[in-house]
Amino acid sequence: GSERVLELSSNSIDRHCSLRSKRRRTKSKMAAKPIASPIPVAMYPTLSVFTLAIGLVITAFFFIYEATSSRKNRSLGKELATAVVASVFLGFGSLFLLLASGVYV
């Protein structure tokens, strides 16, 4: 009884150790690849200008909408949608501006 359990557990331990050593060997054969940007570095300045410009135009539209519409005619959904879109464009524009100037975040 107990000899059989001991034999089974030692077999499973041996199998586990051989699998670990196989994994270790395959990992050492694979060369590490550096992380590369999906967007070419030469595109960073262009992307920053365009995304910041789009974000600023949407922000201007938001301020004009807030200033010209009365409190009764405002729509919370329209305000939130405009603010979120402007925020996303300004965020990516800021990111690409930092990347274009050499600050890798």
N, C-alpha and C. Protein backbone atom coordinates (compact mmCIF):
# COMPACT_ATOMS: atom_id res chain seq x y z
N GLY A 1 0.79 -1.19 0.00
CA GLY A 1 0.00 0.00 0.00
C GLY A 1 0.85 1.27 0.00
N SER A 2 1.62 1.48 1.09
CA SER A 2 2.38 2.72 1.19
C SER A 2 3.56 2.72 0.23
N GLU A 3 4.08 1.54 -0.10
CA GLU A 3 5.18 1.48 -1.07
C GLU A 3 4.71 1.90 -2.45
N ARG A 4 3.50 1.50 -2.80
CA ARG A 4 2.91 1.86 -4.10
C ARG A 4 2.71 3.38 -4.19
N VAL A 5 2.21 4.00 -3.13
CA VAL A 5 1.99 5.45 -3.10
C VAL A 5 3.33 6.17 -3.21
N LEU A 6 4.34 5.67 -2.50
CA LEU A 6 5.66 6.27 -2.55
C LEU A 6 6.26 6.16 -3.94
N GLU A 7 6.05 5.00 -4.59
CA GLU A 7 6.56 4.79 -5.95
C GLU A 7 5.86 5.74 -6.93
N LEU A 8 4.54 5.93 -6.79
CA LEU A 8 3.80 6.82 -7.66
C LEU A 8 4.25 8.27 -7.47
N SER A 9 4.44 8.67 -6.22
CA SER A 9 4.83 10.05 -5.99
C SER A 9 6.24 10.31 -6.49
N SER A 10 7.14 9.35 -6.36
CA SER A 10 8.50 9.56 -6.87
C SER A 10 8.50 9.62 -8.39
N ASN A 11 7.63 8.83 -9.05
CA ASN A 11 7.53 8.89 -10.51
C ASN A 11 7.01 10.25 -10.96
N SER A 12 6.01 10.77 -10.27
CA SER A 12 5.46 12.06 -10.66
C SER A 12 6.46 13.18 -10.41
N ILE A 13 7.26 13.06 -9.35
CA ILE A 13 8.29 14.06 -9.08
C ILE A 13 9.36 14.02 -10.17
N ASP A 14 9.78 12.80 -10.56
CA ASP A 14 10.77 12.67 -11.62
C ASP A 14 10.25 13.27 -12.93
N ARG A 15 9.00 12.99 -13.25
CA ARG A 15 8.40 13.50 -14.47
C ARG A 15 8.32 15.03 -14.44
N HIS A 16 7.94 15.58 -13.28
CA HIS A 16 7.85 17.03 -13.12
C HIS A 16 9.23 17.68 -13.29
N CYS A 17 10.25 17.07 -12.70
CA CYS A 17 11.61 17.63 -12.81
C CYS A 17 12.12 17.57 -14.24
N SER A 18 11.81 16.48 -14.95
CA SER A 18 12.27 16.39 -16.33
C SER A 18 11.55 17.41 -17.21
N LEU A 19 10.27 17.69 -16.94
CA LEU A 19 9.56 18.71 -17.70
C LEU A 19 10.14 20.09 -17.43
N ARG A 20 10.49 20.36 -16.17
CA ARG A 20 11.09 21.66 -15.84
C ARG A 20 12.43 21.84 -16.53
N SER A 21 13.22 20.79 -16.58
CA SER A 21 14.53 20.92 -17.24
C SER A 21 14.35 21.09 -18.74
N LYS A 22 13.33 20.44 -19.33
CA LYS A 22 13.06 20.65 -20.76
C LYS A 22 12.67 22.09 -21.02
N ARG A 23 11.79 22.63 -20.16
CA ARG A 23 11.38 24.02 -20.33
C ARG A 23 12.57 24.96 -20.22
N ARG A 24 13.43 24.69 -19.26
CA ARG A 24 14.60 25.53 -19.06
C ARG A 24 15.51 25.49 -20.29
N ARG A 25 15.66 24.30 -20.87
CA ARG A 25 16.50 24.17 -22.06
C ARG A 25 15.90 24.91 -23.26
N THR A 26 14.58 24.84 -23.42
CA THR A 26 13.98 25.52 -24.56
C THR A 26 14.03 27.03 -24.38
N LYS A 27 13.92 27.50 -23.15
CA LYS A 27 14.01 28.93 -22.92
C LYS A 27 15.39 29.46 -23.24
N SER A 28 16.41 28.69 -22.91
CA SER A 28 17.77 29.17 -23.14
C SER A 28 18.11 29.19 -24.64
N LYS A 29 17.43 28.38 -25.43
CA LYS A 29 17.68 28.37 -26.88
C LYS A 29 17.04 29.57 -27.57
N MET A 30 15.94 30.08 -27.02
CA MET A 30 15.23 31.18 -27.65
C MET A 30 15.93 32.50 -27.31
N ALA A 31 16.18 33.28 -28.33
CA ALA A 31 16.81 34.59 -28.12
C ALA A 31 15.76 35.61 -27.71
N ALA A 32 16.10 36.48 -26.81
CA ALA A 32 15.18 37.51 -26.37
C ALA A 32 15.04 38.58 -27.45
N LYS A 33 13.80 38.92 -27.76
CA LYS A 33 13.56 39.95 -28.76
C LYS A 33 13.27 41.26 -28.04
N PRO A 34 13.90 42.36 -28.44
CA PRO A 34 13.61 43.64 -27.80
C PRO A 34 12.20 44.11 -28.14
N ILE A 35 11.64 44.87 -27.24
CA ILE A 35 10.30 45.42 -27.47
C ILE A 35 10.41 46.55 -28.49
N ALA A 36 9.61 46.47 -29.53
CA ALA A 36 9.65 47.48 -30.59
C ALA A 36 8.30 48.17 -30.67
N SER A 37 8.32 49.42 -31.05
CA SER A 37 7.10 50.20 -31.19
C SER A 37 6.34 49.75 -32.43
N PRO A 38 5.01 49.61 -32.34
CA PRO A 38 4.23 49.25 -33.52
C PRO A 38 4.13 50.42 -34.51
N ILE A 39 4.47 51.62 -34.05
CA ILE A 39 4.41 52.81 -34.90
C ILE A 39 5.84 53.28 -35.15
N PRO A 40 6.20 53.54 -36.39
CA PRO A 40 7.57 54.00 -36.67
C PRO A 40 7.90 55.31 -35.93
N VAL A 41 9.12 55.40 -35.44
CA VAL A 41 9.54 56.56 -34.66
C VAL A 41 9.46 57.84 -35.49
N ALA A 42 9.65 57.74 -36.79
CA ALA A 42 9.59 58.92 -37.67
C ALA A 42 8.18 59.52 -37.72
N MET A 43 7.17 58.74 -37.34
CA MET A 43 5.78 59.23 -37.38
C MET A 43 5.38 59.98 -36.11
N TYR A 44 6.18 59.94 -35.05
CA TYR A 44 5.81 60.56 -33.78
C TYR A 44 5.52 62.07 -33.91
N PRO A 45 6.38 62.86 -34.54
CA PRO A 45 6.06 64.30 -34.62
C PRO A 45 4.77 64.58 -35.39
N THR A 46 4.56 63.88 -36.48
CA THR A 46 3.34 64.07 -37.27
C THR A 46 2.10 63.68 -36.47
N LEU A 47 2.19 62.54 -35.81
CA LEU A 47 1.04 62.09 -35.01
C LEU A 47 0.76 63.05 -33.86
N SER A 48 1.80 63.58 -33.26
CA SER A 48 1.56 64.51 -32.15
C SER A 48 0.88 65.78 -32.63
N VAL A 49 1.31 66.31 -33.77
CA VAL A 49 0.70 67.54 -34.30
C VAL A 49 -0.77 67.30 -34.63
N PHE A 50 -1.05 66.22 -35.35
CA PHE A 50 -2.43 65.98 -35.77
C PHE A 50 -3.35 65.63 -34.60
N THR A 51 -2.90 64.79 -33.69
CA THR A 51 -3.79 64.43 -32.58
C THR A 51 -4.01 65.60 -31.63
N LEU A 52 -2.97 66.41 -31.40
CA LEU A 52 -3.16 67.61 -30.57
C LEU A 52 -4.08 68.62 -31.26
N ALA A 53 -3.94 68.78 -32.57
CA ALA A 53 -4.81 69.71 -33.30
C ALA A 53 -6.27 69.25 -33.24
N ILE A 54 -6.50 67.97 -33.45
CA ILE A 54 -7.87 67.44 -33.39
C ILE A 54 -8.43 67.62 -31.98
N GLY A 55 -7.62 67.31 -30.97
CA GLY A 55 -8.06 67.46 -29.59
C GLY A 55 -8.40 68.90 -29.24
N LEU A 56 -7.59 69.83 -29.72
CA LEU A 56 -7.85 71.25 -29.44
C LEU A 56 -9.10 71.74 -30.16
N VAL A 57 -9.34 71.28 -31.38
CA VAL A 57 -10.57 71.66 -32.10
C VAL A 57 -11.80 71.13 -31.37
N ILE A 58 -11.75 69.90 -30.90
CA ILE A 58 -12.89 69.33 -30.18
C ILE A 58 -13.09 70.05 -28.85
N THR A 59 -11.97 70.41 -28.19
CA THR A 59 -12.08 71.17 -26.94
C THR A 59 -12.70 72.54 -27.20
N ALA A 60 -12.33 73.19 -28.28
CA ALA A 60 -12.92 74.49 -28.63
C ALA A 60 -14.42 74.34 -28.88
N PHE A 61 -14.79 73.26 -29.60
CA PHE A 61 -16.21 73.00 -29.83
C PHE A 61 -16.95 72.81 -28.51
N PHE A 62 -16.31 72.11 -27.56
CA PHE A 62 -16.92 71.90 -26.25
C PHE A 62 -17.15 73.23 -25.52
N PHE A 63 -16.15 74.10 -25.53
CA PHE A 63 -16.30 75.39 -24.85
C PHE A 63 -17.35 76.26 -25.53
N ILE A 64 -17.38 76.24 -26.85
CA ILE A 64 -18.40 77.02 -27.57
C ILE A 64 -19.79 76.48 -27.25
N TYR A 65 -19.93 75.16 -27.21
CA TYR A 65 -21.22 74.54 -26.87
C TYR A 65 -21.67 74.95 -25.47
N GLU A 66 -20.73 74.95 -24.51
CA GLU A 66 -21.06 75.31 -23.14
C GLU A 66 -21.44 76.79 -23.02
N ALA A 67 -20.77 77.63 -23.78
CA ALA A 67 -21.02 79.07 -23.67
C ALA A 67 -22.29 79.51 -24.38
N THR A 68 -22.66 78.84 -25.46
CA THR A 68 -23.79 79.31 -26.27
C THR A 68 -25.11 78.62 -25.95
N SER A 69 -25.09 77.44 -25.34
CA SER A 69 -26.36 76.77 -25.06
C SER A 69 -26.84 77.13 -23.67
N SER A 70 -28.16 77.20 -23.52
CA SER A 70 -28.73 77.51 -22.21
C SER A 70 -28.69 76.26 -21.34
N ARG A 71 -28.87 76.44 -20.06
CA ARG A 71 -28.81 75.30 -19.13
C ARG A 71 -29.92 74.28 -19.43
N LYS A 72 -31.04 74.74 -19.92
CA LYS A 72 -32.15 73.82 -20.19
C LYS A 72 -31.91 72.99 -21.44
N ASN A 73 -31.14 73.54 -22.39
CA ASN A 73 -30.94 72.85 -23.66
C ASN A 73 -29.69 71.96 -23.70
N ARG A 74 -28.90 71.97 -22.64
CA ARG A 74 -27.67 71.16 -22.64
C ARG A 74 -27.98 69.69 -22.47
N SER A 75 -27.13 68.88 -23.11
CA SER A 75 -27.28 67.43 -23.01
C SER A 75 -26.03 66.86 -22.32
N LEU A 76 -26.26 66.15 -21.23
CA LEU A 76 -25.14 65.57 -20.49
C LEU A 76 -24.39 64.55 -21.34
N GLY A 77 -25.12 63.77 -22.11
CA GLY A 77 -24.48 62.77 -22.98
C GLY A 77 -23.57 63.41 -24.01
N LYS A 78 -24.04 64.50 -24.62
CA LYS A 78 -23.23 65.20 -25.63
C LYS A 78 -22.00 65.81 -24.99
N GLU A 79 -22.17 66.38 -23.79
CA GLU A 79 -21.03 66.98 -23.08
C GLU A 79 -19.98 65.91 -22.74
N LEU A 80 -20.44 64.79 -22.19
CA LEU A 80 -19.51 63.73 -21.81
C LEU A 80 -18.81 63.12 -23.03
N ALA A 81 -19.57 62.89 -24.09
CA ALA A 81 -18.97 62.30 -25.30
C ALA A 81 -17.91 63.24 -25.88
N THR A 82 -18.22 64.52 -25.95
CA THR A 82 -17.26 65.49 -26.49
C THR A 82 -16.02 65.57 -25.60
N ALA A 83 -16.22 65.59 -24.29
CA ALA A 83 -15.10 65.68 -23.36
C ALA A 83 -14.21 64.43 -23.43
N VAL A 84 -14.81 63.26 -23.54
CA VAL A 84 -14.03 62.02 -23.60
C VAL A 84 -13.22 61.96 -24.89
N VAL A 85 -13.83 62.31 -26.01
CA VAL A 85 -13.11 62.27 -27.30
C VAL A 85 -11.97 63.28 -27.29
N ALA A 86 -12.21 64.48 -26.80
CA ALA A 86 -11.16 65.50 -26.72
C ALA A 86 -10.04 65.03 -25.81
N SER A 87 -10.39 64.43 -24.69
CA SER A 87 -9.40 63.96 -23.73
C SER A 87 -8.52 62.87 -24.33
N VAL A 88 -9.12 61.94 -25.07
CA VAL A 88 -8.34 60.86 -25.70
C VAL A 88 -7.37 61.44 -26.72
N PHE A 89 -7.84 62.35 -27.57
CA PHE A 89 -6.95 62.94 -28.57
C PHE A 89 -5.83 63.75 -27.93
N LEU A 90 -6.16 64.54 -26.91
CA LEU A 90 -5.14 65.34 -26.24
C LEU A 90 -4.15 64.44 -25.48
N GLY A 91 -4.63 63.35 -24.93
CA GLY A 91 -3.75 62.41 -24.23
C GLY A 91 -2.76 61.75 -25.17
N PHE A 92 -3.26 61.24 -26.30
CA PHE A 92 -2.35 60.62 -27.27
C PHE A 92 -1.43 61.66 -27.90
N GLY A 93 -1.94 62.87 -28.12
CA GLY A 93 -1.09 63.92 -28.66
C GLY A 93 0.04 64.26 -27.72
N SER A 94 -0.25 64.32 -26.42
CA SER A 94 0.79 64.58 -25.42
C SER A 94 1.80 63.45 -25.37
N LEU A 95 1.30 62.22 -25.45
CA LEU A 95 2.19 61.05 -25.45
C LEU A 95 3.14 61.10 -26.64
N PHE A 96 2.62 61.33 -27.84
CA PHE A 96 3.47 61.35 -29.02
C PHE A 96 4.40 62.56 -29.02
N LEU A 97 3.99 63.67 -28.41
CA LEU A 97 4.88 64.82 -28.29
C LEU A 97 6.05 64.48 -27.37
N LEU A 98 5.78 63.81 -26.26
CA LEU A 98 6.86 63.38 -25.38
C LEU A 98 7.80 62.39 -26.07
N LEU A 99 7.22 61.44 -26.79
CA LEU A 99 8.05 60.45 -27.50
C LEU A 99 8.87 61.10 -28.60
N ALA A 100 8.29 62.06 -29.30
CA ALA A 100 9.01 62.74 -30.38
C ALA A 100 10.17 63.57 -29.85
N SER A 101 10.01 64.09 -28.63
CA SER A 101 11.08 64.93 -28.07
C SER A 101 12.12 64.10 -27.32
N GLY A 102 11.95 62.78 -27.28
CA GLY A 102 12.97 61.92 -26.68
C GLY A 102 12.70 61.50 -25.26
N VAL A 103 11.54 61.87 -24.71
CA VAL A 103 11.17 61.43 -23.36
C VAL A 103 10.35 60.15 -23.52
N TYR A 104 10.99 59.01 -23.30
CA TYR A 104 10.32 57.73 -23.52
C TYR A 104 9.61 57.30 -22.24
N VAL A 105 8.29 57.40 -22.28
CA VAL A 105 7.46 57.06 -21.12
C VAL A 105 6.77 55.74 -21.32
